[in-house]
Amino acid sequence: DSLGGNTRTLMIGCISPSSRDYVETLSTLRYANRAKNIHNKPRVNEDPKDTMLRQYQEEIERLKKLLCHQQTLKIEDLTVEPEEKEEVATEANSDLDAKRDRLIQEYQQEMEKLKNLHENEKNEKENVLKQIQTIKEEYEENIQKLNNEVQEKKNKELCSKDEILNRIEALKKAMIGGEKANDQELSERRKRKKMAAEKRASVIAHLLAKIDMNEDREILQNQYKDISQELHLKTEALRRYRHKVKSLEKEISDIQSEFEAERQDYLETIRKQDQNLKLLSQITEKLAGNLKRECNYSDLEAVKEQAVWLEDAQKYKLPEIIKPRTKLPPPGSIADFARRNKPKSTEDLDGGRPGRPPNLSGSFNNLWLNG
């Protein structure tokens, strides 16, 4: 069925000449040979369950016809008596009827099973479709949530970018000055002045063409020269202003780049200082746990409370370390003391009272003090 009943199927078996792929090559060849020997019968496309039901119904009809045909047959080769013939015919008919009934019952049961199976598959298919729809709705809901989160992040980034641009614009206004803050208005004003000057120059040139060579023309020519010179000066000033604006814009871009670089450096420094602070804190906790209780630095909280910040020196003034001192007797002092204080009698040994053990606590106290 996997190869298709109404189509010509081509299967390509990929094998290898390598010796290490010998087992897989044989397995592929066996499978390809089995697939090659499959011969499907072309049939109309229909549901497999409907096909099986149709086949069972055809088989039932065929068996019914066979039984009817066998009942009409005449038994001619039998050599028994008529009574025996009737008994044999009756037994044969009863056996055939029983077989027929049994076959019909089996086929009906099988058809009922197939119908139930078909109904169950339909119900399962509906349940699967419902589950798929539910999963699809959950997926679309999650996608919508993710899109909303992405949009919120974009809005936040745009807000932060707008804040940076506003700060840069404020710096730009502070650097350029009030009269040069609005470059567009300044350029429009310069364009209007330039157009007015050109218009005046064209009017003067038109008047010069009409008047004759006289003193008035000389005056007009001088005035035209003055206007041309003024226009040239204003054009030169406009060029200088444009150059200055470009240089200021470049300077603003450099300041923005430096600001971003410094911000990244500050962030990196803060991260490193945070790591170093955590490292020093862990080392301090380790060392404080190994110090003796007599040392004042075993209690870090008390040390923090006693620490005082010195504004001039820009550092903390910490309390002095209190080190516990352990006094030990010098070598040989125990033997000398025992030799000097050796008892002369048993009464001295037992503290002057017979029948009691010697009192050595005072001796050891004297030994410790003398040592």
Protein backbone atom coordinates (compact mmCIF):
# COMPACT_ATOMS: atom_id res chain seq x y z
CA ASP A 1 0.00 0.00 0.00
CA SER A 2 2.88 2.36 0.67
CA LEU A 3 4.00 2.10 -2.97
CA GLY A 4 0.58 3.14 -4.29
CA GLY A 5 -1.93 1.10 -6.25
CA ASN A 6 -2.56 3.37 -9.23
CA THR A 7 0.91 4.78 -9.79
CA ARG A 8 4.22 3.56 -11.11
CA THR A 9 6.70 3.83 -8.27
CA LEU A 10 10.47 4.13 -8.73
CA MET A 11 12.71 3.14 -5.82
CA ILE A 12 16.45 3.88 -5.77
CA GLY A 13 18.60 1.75 -3.48
CA CYS A 14 21.84 3.48 -2.44
CA ILE A 15 24.61 0.97 -1.73
CA SER A 16 28.32 1.30 -1.05
CA PRO A 17 31.28 -0.77 -2.35
CA SER A 18 33.10 -0.30 0.95
CA SER A 19 33.70 -3.43 3.05
CA ARG A 20 32.63 -1.72 6.27
CA ASP A 21 29.15 -1.08 4.75
CA TYR A 22 28.70 -4.74 3.72
CA VAL A 23 25.87 -5.48 6.18
CA GLU A 24 23.92 -2.33 5.36
CA THR A 25 24.36 -2.96 1.62
CA LEU A 26 22.88 -6.48 1.93
CA SER A 27 19.97 -5.16 4.00
CA THR A 28 19.26 -2.46 1.41
CA LEU A 29 19.37 -5.01 -1.42
CA ARG A 30 16.98 -7.36 0.40
CA TYR A 31 14.52 -4.56 1.02
CA ALA A 32 14.77 -3.38 -2.59
CA ASN A 33 14.16 -6.93 -3.83
CA ARG A 34 11.05 -7.29 -1.67
CA ALA A 35 9.75 -3.96 -2.91
CA LYS A 36 10.45 -4.96 -6.50
CA ASN A 37 8.40 -8.15 -6.17
CA ILE A 38 5.30 -6.30 -4.93
CA HIS A 39 2.53 -6.25 -7.55
CA ASN A 40 -0.37 -4.01 -6.65
CA LYS A 41 -3.75 -4.25 -8.26
CA PRO A 42 -5.08 -0.92 -9.58
CA ARG A 43 -8.30 0.07 -7.82
CA VAL A 44 -10.55 3.03 -7.37
CA ASN A 45 -9.44 5.37 -4.62
CA GLU A 46 -11.61 4.70 -1.59
CA ASP A 47 -11.33 4.43 2.16
CA PRO A 48 -9.63 1.18 3.32
CA LYS A 49 -12.49 0.46 5.74
CA ASP A 50 -15.08 0.88 3.00
CA THR A 51 -13.00 -1.42 0.80
CA MET A 52 -12.95 -4.17 3.43
CA LEU A 53 -16.71 -3.84 4.02
CA ARG A 54 -17.36 -4.11 0.30
CA GLN A 55 -15.11 -7.18 0.01
CA TYR A 56 -16.87 -8.90 2.93
CA GLN A 57 -20.28 -8.19 1.42
CA GLU A 58 -19.14 -9.62 -1.94
CA GLU A 59 -17.79 -12.69 -0.17
CA ILE A 60 -21.12 -13.19 1.65
CA GLU A 61 -23.04 -12.96 -1.62
CA ARG A 62 -20.66 -15.41 -3.26
CA LEU A 63 -21.10 -17.91 -0.42
CA LYS A 64 -24.87 -17.54 -0.56
CA LYS A 65 -24.86 -18.28 -4.28
CA LEU A 66 -22.56 -21.24 -3.70
CA LEU A 67 -24.90 -22.68 -1.07
CA CYS A 68 -27.94 -22.23 -3.30
CA HIS A 69 -26.11 -23.90 -6.16
CA GLN A 70 -25.09 -26.85 -3.97
CA GLN A 71 -28.66 -27.33 -2.78
CA THR A 72 -29.88 -27.68 -6.39
CA LEU A 73 -27.27 -30.24 -7.33
CA LYS A 74 -28.41 -33.84 -7.70
CA ILE A 75 -26.50 -36.65 -6.13
CA GLU A 76 -26.23 -39.30 -8.89
CA ASP A 77 -23.15 -41.25 -7.89
CA LEU A 78 -24.48 -42.47 -4.56
CA THR A 79 -25.21 -46.26 -4.40
CA VAL A 80 -27.07 -46.25 -1.10
CA GLU A 81 -30.75 -46.85 -0.50
CA PRO A 82 -33.32 -44.05 -0.88
CA GLU A 83 -33.76 -43.79 2.90
CA GLU A 84 -30.02 -43.50 3.38
CA LYS A 85 -29.96 -40.96 0.54
CA GLU A 86 -32.52 -38.87 2.33
CA GLU A 87 -30.58 -39.11 5.60
CA VAL A 88 -27.31 -38.16 3.89
CA ALA A 89 -29.00 -35.30 2.06
CA THR A 90 -30.59 -34.10 5.29
CA GLU A 91 -27.30 -34.27 7.17
CA ALA A 92 -25.48 -32.55 4.31
CA ASN A 93 -28.12 -29.82 4.16
CA SER A 94 -28.02 -29.36 7.92
CA ASP A 95 -24.23 -29.17 7.87
CA LEU A 96 -24.32 -26.69 5.02
CA ASP A 97 -26.97 -24.65 6.80
CA ALA A 98 -24.90 -24.64 9.97
CA LYS A 99 -21.77 -23.64 8.08
CA ARG A 100 -23.69 -20.99 6.21
CA ASP A 101 -25.20 -19.60 9.40
CA ARG A 102 -21.82 -19.69 11.12
CA LEU A 103 -20.13 -17.92 8.21
CA ILE A 104 -22.89 -15.34 8.01
CA GLN A 105 -22.66 -14.75 11.74
CA GLU A 106 -18.86 -14.44 11.59
CA TYR A 107 -19.03 -12.01 8.71
CA GLN A 108 -21.73 -9.99 10.43
CA GLN A 109 -19.62 -9.85 13.58
CA GLU A 110 -16.61 -8.83 11.54
CA MET A 111 -18.64 -6.15 9.78
CA GLU A 112 -19.90 -4.90 13.15
CA LYS A 113 -16.34 -4.73 14.44
CA LEU A 114 -15.24 -2.84 11.35
CA LYS A 115 -18.14 -0.42 11.71
CA ASN A 116 -17.29 0.17 15.37
CA LEU A 117 -13.63 0.59 14.46
CA HIS A 118 -14.60 3.05 11.76
CA GLU A 119 -16.74 5.03 14.21
CA ASN A 120 -13.97 5.03 16.80
CA GLU A 121 -11.49 6.28 14.24
CA LYS A 122 -13.90 9.04 13.27
CA ASN A 123 -14.27 10.05 16.92
CA GLU A 124 -10.52 9.93 17.43
CA LYS A 125 -10.04 12.01 14.32
CA GLU A 126 -12.49 14.61 15.67
CA ASN A 127 -10.69 14.64 19.03
CA VAL A 128 -7.34 15.05 17.28
CA LEU A 129 -8.73 17.92 15.23
CA LYS A 130 -10.02 19.57 18.41
CA GLN A 131 -6.64 19.14 20.07
CA ILE A 132 -4.92 20.56 17.00
CA GLN A 133 -7.27 23.55 17.07
CA THR A 134 -6.57 24.09 20.77
CA ILE A 135 -2.81 23.87 20.20
CA LYS A 136 -3.12 26.25 17.28
CA GLU A 137 -5.01 28.78 19.40
CA GLU A 138 -2.41 28.50 22.19
CA TYR A 139 0.37 28.91 19.63
CA GLU A 140 -1.26 32.00 18.15
CA GLU A 141 -1.79 33.42 21.64
CA ASN A 142 1.88 32.85 22.53
CA ILE A 143 2.96 34.41 19.23
CA GLN A 144 0.79 37.44 19.99
CA LYS A 145 2.33 37.75 23.45
CA LEU A 146 5.83 37.53 22.00
CA ASN A 147 4.98 40.16 19.39
CA ASN A 148 3.64 42.45 22.10
CA GLU A 149 6.80 41.98 24.16
CA VAL A 150 8.99 42.68 21.12
CA GLN A 151 6.95 45.80 20.36
CA GLU A 152 7.29 47.00 23.96
CA LYS A 153 11.06 46.47 23.82
CA LYS A 154 11.24 48.39 20.55
CA ASN A 155 9.22 51.23 22.06
CA LYS A 156 11.54 51.33 25.06
CA GLU A 157 14.59 51.39 22.77
CA LEU A 158 13.03 54.18 20.71
CA CYS A 159 12.31 56.13 23.88
CA SER A 160 15.91 55.74 25.03
CA LYS A 161 17.17 56.77 21.58
CA ASP A 162 14.88 59.80 21.63
CA GLU A 163 16.24 60.79 25.02
CA ILE A 164 19.82 60.52 23.73
CA LEU A 165 18.95 62.58 20.65
CA ASN A 166 17.28 65.22 22.81
CA ARG A 167 20.36 65.44 24.99
CA ILE A 168 22.57 65.74 21.92
CA GLU A 169 20.29 68.42 20.53
CA ALA A 170 20.52 70.32 23.80
CA LEU A 171 24.32 70.09 23.71
CA LYS A 172 24.24 71.22 20.11
CA LYS A 173 22.15 74.26 20.99
CA ALA A 174 24.44 75.08 23.90
CA MET A 175 27.54 74.83 21.68
CA ILE A 176 26.22 76.64 18.61
CA GLY A 177 24.35 79.44 20.39
CA GLY A 178 20.85 80.84 20.34
CA GLU A 179 21.06 82.65 17.03
CA LYS A 180 22.48 79.58 15.25
CA ALA A 181 20.32 76.88 16.83
CA ASN A 182 17.78 76.78 14.06
CA ASP A 183 19.89 76.07 10.96
CA GLN A 184 16.87 75.69 8.71
CA GLU A 185 15.48 79.11 9.60
CA LEU A 186 18.92 80.67 9.14
CA SER A 187 19.38 79.10 5.71
CA GLU A 188 15.89 80.21 4.64
CA ARG A 189 16.66 83.78 5.72
CA ARG A 190 19.94 83.72 3.78
CA LYS A 191 18.18 82.37 0.70
CA ARG A 192 15.63 85.18 0.86
CA LYS A 193 18.38 87.79 1.16
CA LYS A 194 20.25 86.24 -1.75
CA MET A 195 17.13 86.19 -3.95
CA ALA A 196 16.37 89.82 -3.08
CA ALA A 197 19.92 90.85 -3.95
CA GLU A 198 19.79 88.97 -7.25
CA LYS A 199 16.45 90.58 -8.05
CA ARG A 200 17.86 94.03 -7.35
CA ALA A 201 20.87 93.26 -9.52
CA SER A 202 18.67 92.13 -12.41
CA VAL A 203 16.56 95.31 -12.15
CA ILE A 204 19.68 97.47 -12.17
CA ALA A 205 21.10 95.61 -15.17
CA HIS A 206 17.81 96.13 -17.03
CA LEU A 207 17.90 99.85 -16.28
CA LEU A 208 21.51 100.11 -17.41
CA ALA A 209 20.56 98.68 -20.78
CA LYS A 210 18.01 101.42 -21.31
CA ILE A 211 19.95 104.56 -20.32
CA ASP A 212 22.69 106.11 -22.42
CA MET A 213 26.35 106.59 -21.65
CA ASN A 214 26.23 109.49 -19.13
CA GLU A 215 26.92 110.27 -15.56
CA ASP A 216 23.76 108.58 -14.35
CA ARG A 217 24.97 105.34 -15.89
CA GLU A 218 28.28 105.65 -14.08
CA ILE A 219 26.40 106.12 -10.81
CA LEU A 220 24.26 103.08 -11.55
CA GLN A 221 27.32 101.04 -12.46
CA ASN A 222 28.97 102.00 -9.20
CA GLN A 223 25.82 101.05 -7.35
CA TYR A 224 25.70 97.75 -9.25
CA LYS A 225 29.30 97.06 -8.31
CA ASP A 226 28.51 97.78 -4.67
CA ILE A 227 25.55 95.41 -4.80
CA SER A 228 27.65 92.75 -6.53
CA GLN A 229 30.36 93.14 -3.94
CA GLU A 230 27.78 92.92 -1.15
CA LEU A 231 26.31 89.80 -2.74
CA HIS A 232 29.76 88.27 -3.02
CA LEU A 233 30.50 89.03 0.62
CA LYS A 234 27.20 87.54 1.75
CA THR A 235 27.78 84.45 -0.39
CA GLU A 236 31.23 84.04 1.13
CA ALA A 237 29.80 84.47 4.62
CA LEU A 238 27.12 81.89 3.83
CA ARG A 239 29.80 79.45 2.67
CA ARG A 240 31.77 80.00 5.87
CA TYR A 241 28.66 79.46 7.97
CA ARG A 242 27.90 76.22 6.14
CA HIS A 243 31.44 75.02 6.69
CA LYS A 244 31.19 75.92 10.36
CA VAL A 245 27.86 74.09 10.70
CA LYS A 246 29.35 70.97 9.11
CA SER A 247 32.34 71.11 11.45
CA LEU A 248 30.01 71.52 14.43
CA GLU A 249 27.89 68.57 13.29
CA LYS A 250 31.03 66.47 12.96
CA GLU A 251 32.15 67.60 16.41
CA ILE A 252 28.75 66.63 17.83
CA SER A 253 29.05 63.21 16.20
CA ASP A 254 32.52 62.79 17.71
CA ILE A 255 31.21 63.83 21.13
CA GLN A 256 28.38 61.33 20.81
CA SER A 257 30.85 58.57 19.89
CA GLU A 258 33.12 59.50 22.79
CA PHE A 259 30.13 59.58 25.13
CA GLU A 260 29.09 56.09 24.03
CA ALA A 261 32.65 54.77 24.37
CA GLU A 262 33.03 56.29 27.84
CA ARG A 263 29.66 54.87 28.86
CA GLN A 264 30.77 51.39 27.79
CA ASP A 265 34.07 51.86 29.67
CA TYR A 266 32.19 52.93 32.79
CA LEU A 267 29.88 49.94 32.56
CA GLU A 268 32.85 47.59 32.14
CA THR A 269 34.62 49.23 35.10
CA ILE A 270 31.51 48.86 37.24
CA ARG A 271 31.23 45.20 36.30
CA LYS A 272 34.88 44.57 37.13
CA GLN A 273 34.63 46.43 40.44
CA ASP A 274 31.53 44.43 41.31
CA GLN A 275 33.40 41.20 40.58
CA ASN A 276 36.42 42.33 42.64
CA LEU A 277 34.13 43.37 45.50
CA LYS A 278 32.47 39.95 45.51
CA LEU A 279 35.89 38.26 45.41
CA LEU A 280 37.22 40.34 48.33
CA SER A 281 34.02 39.71 50.28
CA GLN A 282 34.36 35.94 49.82
CA ILE A 283 38.05 36.03 50.78
CA THR A 284 37.26 38.11 53.88
CA GLU A 285 34.54 35.70 54.95
CA LYS A 286 36.93 32.76 54.51
CA LEU A 287 39.67 34.46 56.56
CA ALA A 288 37.27 35.61 59.29
CA GLY A 289 36.07 32.05 59.76
CA ASN A 290 39.65 30.85 60.38
CA LEU A 291 40.64 33.59 62.87
CA LYS A 292 40.52 33.02 66.62
CA ARG A 293 37.70 34.52 68.58
CA GLU A 294 40.14 36.56 70.67
CA CYS A 295 41.05 38.54 67.52
CA ASN A 296 38.75 41.52 66.97
CA TYR A 297 38.70 40.91 63.17
CA SER A 298 36.86 37.62 63.58
CA ASP A 299 33.65 39.70 63.85
CA LEU A 300 33.37 41.55 60.52
CA GLU A 301 30.17 43.36 61.47
CA ALA A 302 31.86 44.95 64.49
CA VAL A 303 34.83 45.99 62.33
CA LYS A 304 32.43 47.61 59.83
CA GLU A 305 30.74 49.57 62.61
CA GLN A 306 34.10 50.78 64.00
CA ALA A 307 35.44 51.80 60.57
CA VAL A 308 35.47 55.59 59.92
CA TRP A 309 35.61 57.21 56.47
CA LEU A 310 38.34 59.85 56.08
CA GLU A 311 37.25 62.45 53.53
CA ASP A 312 40.73 63.96 53.08
CA ALA A 313 42.52 60.65 52.60
CA GLN A 314 39.59 59.09 50.73
CA LYS A 315 39.86 55.83 52.65
CA TYR A 316 38.57 54.09 55.78
CA LYS A 317 40.31 54.19 59.13
CA LEU A 318 40.15 50.64 60.49
CA PRO A 319 40.60 49.56 64.13
CA GLU A 320 43.93 48.11 65.17
CA ILE A 321 44.30 44.34 65.11
CA ILE A 322 44.27 42.78 68.58
CA LYS A 323 46.43 39.66 68.51
CA PRO A 324 46.04 37.19 71.40
CA ARG A 325 49.37 36.28 73.02
CA THR A 326 50.01 32.83 74.45
CA LYS A 327 52.82 32.56 77.03
CA LEU A 328 54.72 29.31 77.19
CA PRO A 329 57.31 28.34 79.85
CA PRO A 330 60.90 28.29 78.65
CA PRO A 331 62.57 24.92 78.07
CA GLY A 332 63.97 23.26 81.21
CA SER A 333 62.01 25.33 83.73
CA ILE A 334 59.81 22.40 84.77
CA ALA A 335 62.82 20.21 85.62
CA ASP A 336 64.54 22.99 87.62
CA PHE A 337 61.39 23.71 89.57
CA ALA A 338 60.87 20.05 90.37
CA ARG A 339 64.46 19.76 91.57
CA ARG A 340 64.24 22.85 93.81
CA ASN A 341 60.89 21.88 95.30
CA LYS A 342 61.61 18.19 95.86
CA PRO A 343 59.77 17.02 99.08
CA LYS A 344 61.92 15.89 101.99
CA SER A 345 59.37 13.53 103.54
CA THR A 346 56.08 11.85 102.84
CA GLU A 347 54.32 14.53 104.82
CA ASP A 348 55.64 17.17 102.44
CA LEU A 349 54.60 15.03 99.48
CA ASP A 350 51.04 14.52 100.69
CA GLY A 351 50.61 18.13 101.79
CA GLY A 352 51.40 17.56 105.53
CA ARG A 353 48.45 15.25 106.03
CA PRO A 354 49.05 11.51 106.06
CA GLY A 355 46.72 9.34 104.06
CA ARG A 356 45.91 11.96 101.37
CA PRO A 357 47.30 12.32 97.84
CA PRO A 358 49.86 14.99 97.19
CA ASN A 359 48.62 18.48 96.35
CA LEU A 360 50.23 19.35 93.00
CA SER A 361 47.98 22.23 91.96
CA GLY A 362 49.90 24.78 93.96
CA SER A 363 53.17 23.45 92.61
CA PHE A 364 52.02 23.82 89.03
CA ASN A 365 50.68 27.30 89.75
CA ASN A 366 54.05 28.28 91.16
CA LEU A 367 55.73 26.66 88.18
CA TRP A 368 53.56 28.70 85.77
CA LEU A 369 54.18 31.96 87.65
CA ASN A 370 57.90 31.34 87.99
CA GLY A 371 58.11 30.34 84.38
